[in-house]
Structures are given as C-alpha cells and as structure tokens.
Amino acid sequence: MDKYTIKLPIINDEQLTDGPIYVEKSSDKTLRNKLETFALYFQREFKYDFPQYEANEHLYNDNKYIGILFAAKAWDKVTDDIQSPYRLFGGACFRWRDGQGHNSGWVLDWIWFHPFFRHRGVLAKHWKQLKIKFGDFCVAEPLSADMKKFLSKNN
C-alpha cells in the first residue's frame, strides 16, 4: 500500500448489515488485518509515530480491546452472483483502562473514516449503540477538530 492510496476492502457476507462489525482477540485474522489497515490510515493522517492497533494484539494477554469495522452496502459491486457485498470504510478501537488516579473503563482510543464517509452522520447513527455497549466511555486525546465538534453535539 503506497502512502497516498486509500483502498477500501469489500466483504461478501450474508450476515452483515450496515453498521459496526466488532473485532476481538478471537476474531478471524482477516478482520484483524483489515482493522490494522484502518489504524495505519489513522496513523498517516494524524502523523503518529506508530499505528494505534496491530493485528497481532491478540497475542498480548494484558491488552483488553474491542475493535470496530464500519461497513456499508457496496451497491456498485452488487451482481446476480453476489447479493451481499459490503464495503469497509472505517475502523475504531476501544481499550479498557484500569484506573490509576481515575475511574476504570472503556476509552475510545482512535476512530478513522474514509473522507467520503465523513460528515454523513455515520458516527452519530451508531453513537447510542456504542454508549450502550461501552457505557460512559472517554475519548482519548488529542482530539481532531471534527471530533471536538462531534462531541460537543453528542455528549
């Protein structure tokens, strides 16, 4: 993958719907690899020194996380043979933080969407579901201008 290309994978799965796909330590390596790809896009865009997620994190016993892949129906790929193509367009990772001077709980460590899927209400659509699953979670800093704006509207 060259550093100027953003490739969005297609998954053909009858059980998928528009929305989050949870990726955990027990998840298939293919899904973990796809989440790592979005972590690399996040790293490049925000100029981090290293990716915020690796596909092999399942090997670290002390690392409690739940990753998320975001998908939407890939209408441009629908054929008679394949009725359920979904395009992955983003990823995120929640990590459990043990309280050291603060409460223990889930933290939204990072989230990244392809630019074409930003500002379309995707995160707002799933925010309530994320709050139910992860409780009163925090969002890791530093925050992008877009995330600050989103949190001011939705928190």
Protein backbone atom coordinates (compact mmCIF):
# COMPACT_ATOMS: atom_id res chain seq x y z
CA MET A 1 0.00 0.00 0.00
CA ASP A 2 1.56 3.30 -1.01
CA LYS A 3 1.09 6.21 1.35
CA TYR A 4 -1.28 8.13 -0.93
CA THR A 5 -3.75 5.33 -1.65
CA ILE A 6 -6.79 4.56 0.46
CA LYS A 7 -8.14 1.16 -0.52
CA LEU A 8 -11.49 0.12 0.93
CA PRO A 9 -11.98 -3.64 1.15
CA ILE A 10 -15.14 -5.44 0.07
CA ILE A 11 -16.54 -8.29 2.17
CA ASN A 12 -19.18 -10.68 0.87
CA ASP A 13 -21.13 -11.94 3.83
CA GLU A 14 -24.84 -12.76 4.03
CA GLN A 15 -24.90 -11.93 7.75
CA LEU A 16 -23.53 -8.38 7.53
CA THR A 17 -25.61 -5.25 7.81
CA ASP A 18 -24.76 -1.58 7.59
CA GLY A 19 -23.03 -0.82 10.82
CA PRO A 20 -20.33 -1.91 13.18
CA ILE A 21 -18.53 -5.24 12.99
CA TYR A 22 -16.85 -5.99 16.30
CA VAL A 23 -13.28 -7.28 16.18
CA GLU A 24 -11.90 -9.01 19.25
CA LYS A 25 -8.92 -11.19 20.12
CA SER A 26 -10.86 -14.27 18.98
CA SER A 27 -11.85 -12.71 15.62
CA ASP A 28 -10.63 -14.06 12.32
CA LYS A 29 -7.17 -12.81 11.28
CA THR A 30 -8.67 -11.35 8.10
CA LEU A 31 -10.84 -8.96 10.12
CA ARG A 32 -7.95 -8.07 12.43
CA ASN A 33 -5.79 -7.30 9.38
CA LYS A 34 -8.48 -5.03 7.94
CA LEU A 35 -8.70 -3.17 11.25
CA GLU A 36 -4.93 -2.76 11.24
CA THR A 37 -5.17 -1.19 7.78
CA PHE A 38 -7.53 1.49 9.11
CA ALA A 39 -5.16 2.05 12.06
CA LEU A 40 -2.40 2.68 9.50
CA TYR A 41 -4.60 5.22 7.68
CA PHE A 42 -5.25 6.91 11.04
CA GLN A 43 -1.50 6.94 11.80
CA ARG A 44 -0.68 8.55 8.45
CA GLU A 45 -3.38 11.18 8.57
CA PHE A 46 -2.63 12.30 12.12
CA LYS A 47 1.13 11.76 11.89
CA TYR A 48 1.51 9.33 14.77
CA ASP A 49 4.83 7.54 15.23
CA PHE A 50 3.23 4.09 15.22
CA PRO A 51 -0.17 2.55 14.43
CA GLN A 52 -2.71 2.52 17.24
CA TYR A 53 -3.62 -1.12 16.58
CA GLU A 54 -1.82 -4.24 15.32
CA ALA A 55 -3.49 -7.38 14.02
CA ASN A 56 -1.37 -9.46 16.40
CA GLU A 57 -2.52 -7.68 19.56
CA HIS A 58 -4.44 -10.83 20.42
CA LEU A 59 -1.07 -12.27 21.49
CA TYR A 60 -0.76 -9.80 24.38
CA ASN A 61 -2.67 -11.19 27.35
CA ASP A 62 -2.80 -7.90 29.25
CA ASN A 63 -4.28 -5.95 26.34
CA LYS A 64 -8.08 -5.73 26.54
CA TYR A 65 -9.60 -4.18 23.43
CA ILE A 66 -12.57 -4.33 21.11
CA GLY A 67 -12.05 -3.07 17.59
CA ILE A 68 -14.77 -1.97 15.23
CA LEU A 69 -15.01 -2.05 11.46
CA PHE A 70 -17.67 0.11 9.82
CA ALA A 71 -19.38 -1.21 6.69
CA ALA A 72 -21.94 -0.07 4.16
CA LYS A 73 -23.64 -1.90 1.31
CA ALA A 74 -21.41 -1.71 -1.78
CA TRP A 75 -24.17 -1.11 -4.32
CA ASP A 76 -21.63 -0.69 -7.12
CA LYS A 77 -20.50 -4.30 -6.55
CA VAL A 78 -23.91 -6.00 -6.43
CA THR A 79 -24.31 -8.71 -9.06
CA ASP A 80 -26.67 -11.63 -9.53
CA ASP A 81 -23.98 -13.95 -8.17
CA ILE A 82 -23.08 -11.85 -5.11
CA GLN A 83 -26.06 -10.27 -3.36
CA SER A 84 -24.30 -9.07 -0.21
CA PRO A 85 -21.12 -7.12 -0.89
CA TYR A 86 -20.20 -4.66 1.86
CA ARG A 87 -17.51 -2.01 1.71
CA LEU A 88 -15.48 -1.42 4.85
CA PHE A 89 -14.88 2.32 5.20
CA GLY A 90 -13.58 2.85 8.70
CA GLY A 91 -12.30 1.46 11.93
CA ALA A 92 -12.04 2.23 15.61
CA CYS A 93 -10.68 0.68 18.75
CA PHE A 94 -11.91 0.76 22.33
CA ARG A 95 -9.44 -0.14 25.06
CA TRP A 96 -10.01 -0.96 28.69
CA ARG A 97 -8.04 1.32 31.01
CA ASP A 98 -7.55 0.43 34.64
CA GLY A 99 -8.00 3.38 36.96
CA GLN A 100 -4.77 4.98 38.09
CA GLY A 101 -5.91 8.27 39.54
CA HIS A 102 -9.22 7.99 37.63
CA ASN A 103 -12.02 5.53 37.12
CA SER A 104 -11.52 2.31 35.21
CA GLY A 105 -13.44 1.97 31.99
CA TRP A 106 -13.51 1.87 28.22
CA VAL A 107 -11.75 4.54 26.18
CA LEU A 108 -12.34 5.22 22.50
CA ASP A 109 -8.66 5.13 21.62
CA TRP A 110 -8.98 6.05 17.93
CA ILE A 111 -11.50 6.19 15.12
CA TRP A 112 -10.99 6.77 11.41
CA PHE A 113 -13.39 7.01 8.46
CA HIS A 114 -12.57 7.33 4.79
CA PRO A 115 -13.02 11.02 3.84
CA PHE A 116 -16.00 10.21 1.58
CA PHE A 117 -17.87 8.78 4.60
CA ARG A 118 -17.19 11.68 6.96
CA HIS A 119 -19.84 14.29 7.80
CA ARG A 120 -22.64 11.92 6.77
CA GLY A 121 -23.97 11.10 10.21
CA VAL A 122 -22.38 7.64 10.40
CA LEU A 123 -20.88 8.04 13.85
CA ALA A 124 -23.98 9.83 15.16
CA LYS A 125 -26.12 6.95 13.87
CA HIS A 126 -24.12 4.41 15.90
CA TRP A 127 -23.21 6.57 18.90
CA LYS A 128 -26.12 5.38 21.06
CA GLN A 129 -25.27 1.73 20.33
CA LEU A 130 -21.63 2.39 21.29
CA LYS A 131 -22.75 4.06 24.53
CA ILE A 132 -24.86 1.01 25.36
CA LYS A 133 -22.04 -1.43 24.61
CA PHE A 134 -19.18 0.51 26.26
CA GLY A 135 -21.00 2.56 28.89
CA ASP A 136 -19.90 6.06 29.77
CA PHE A 137 -16.61 5.85 27.88
CA CYS A 138 -13.97 8.54 27.44
CA VAL A 139 -12.42 9.61 24.14
CA ALA A 140 -8.62 9.61 24.04
CA GLU A 141 -6.83 12.85 23.30
CA PRO A 142 -5.62 14.60 21.29
CA LEU A 143 -8.92 15.22 19.55
CA SER A 144 -9.26 16.35 15.96
CA ALA A 145 -11.35 19.45 15.26
CA ASP A 146 -14.04 17.20 13.77
CA MET A 147 -14.15 15.00 16.90
CA LYS A 148 -14.34 18.05 19.19
CA LYS A 149 -17.29 19.33 17.17
CA PHE A 150 -18.97 15.92 17.18
CA LEU A 151 -18.57 15.50 20.96
CA SER A 152 -19.94 18.98 21.65
CA LYS A 153 -23.13 17.97 19.79
CA ASN A 154 -23.45 14.37 21.01
CA ASN A 155 -22.05 14.12 24.54
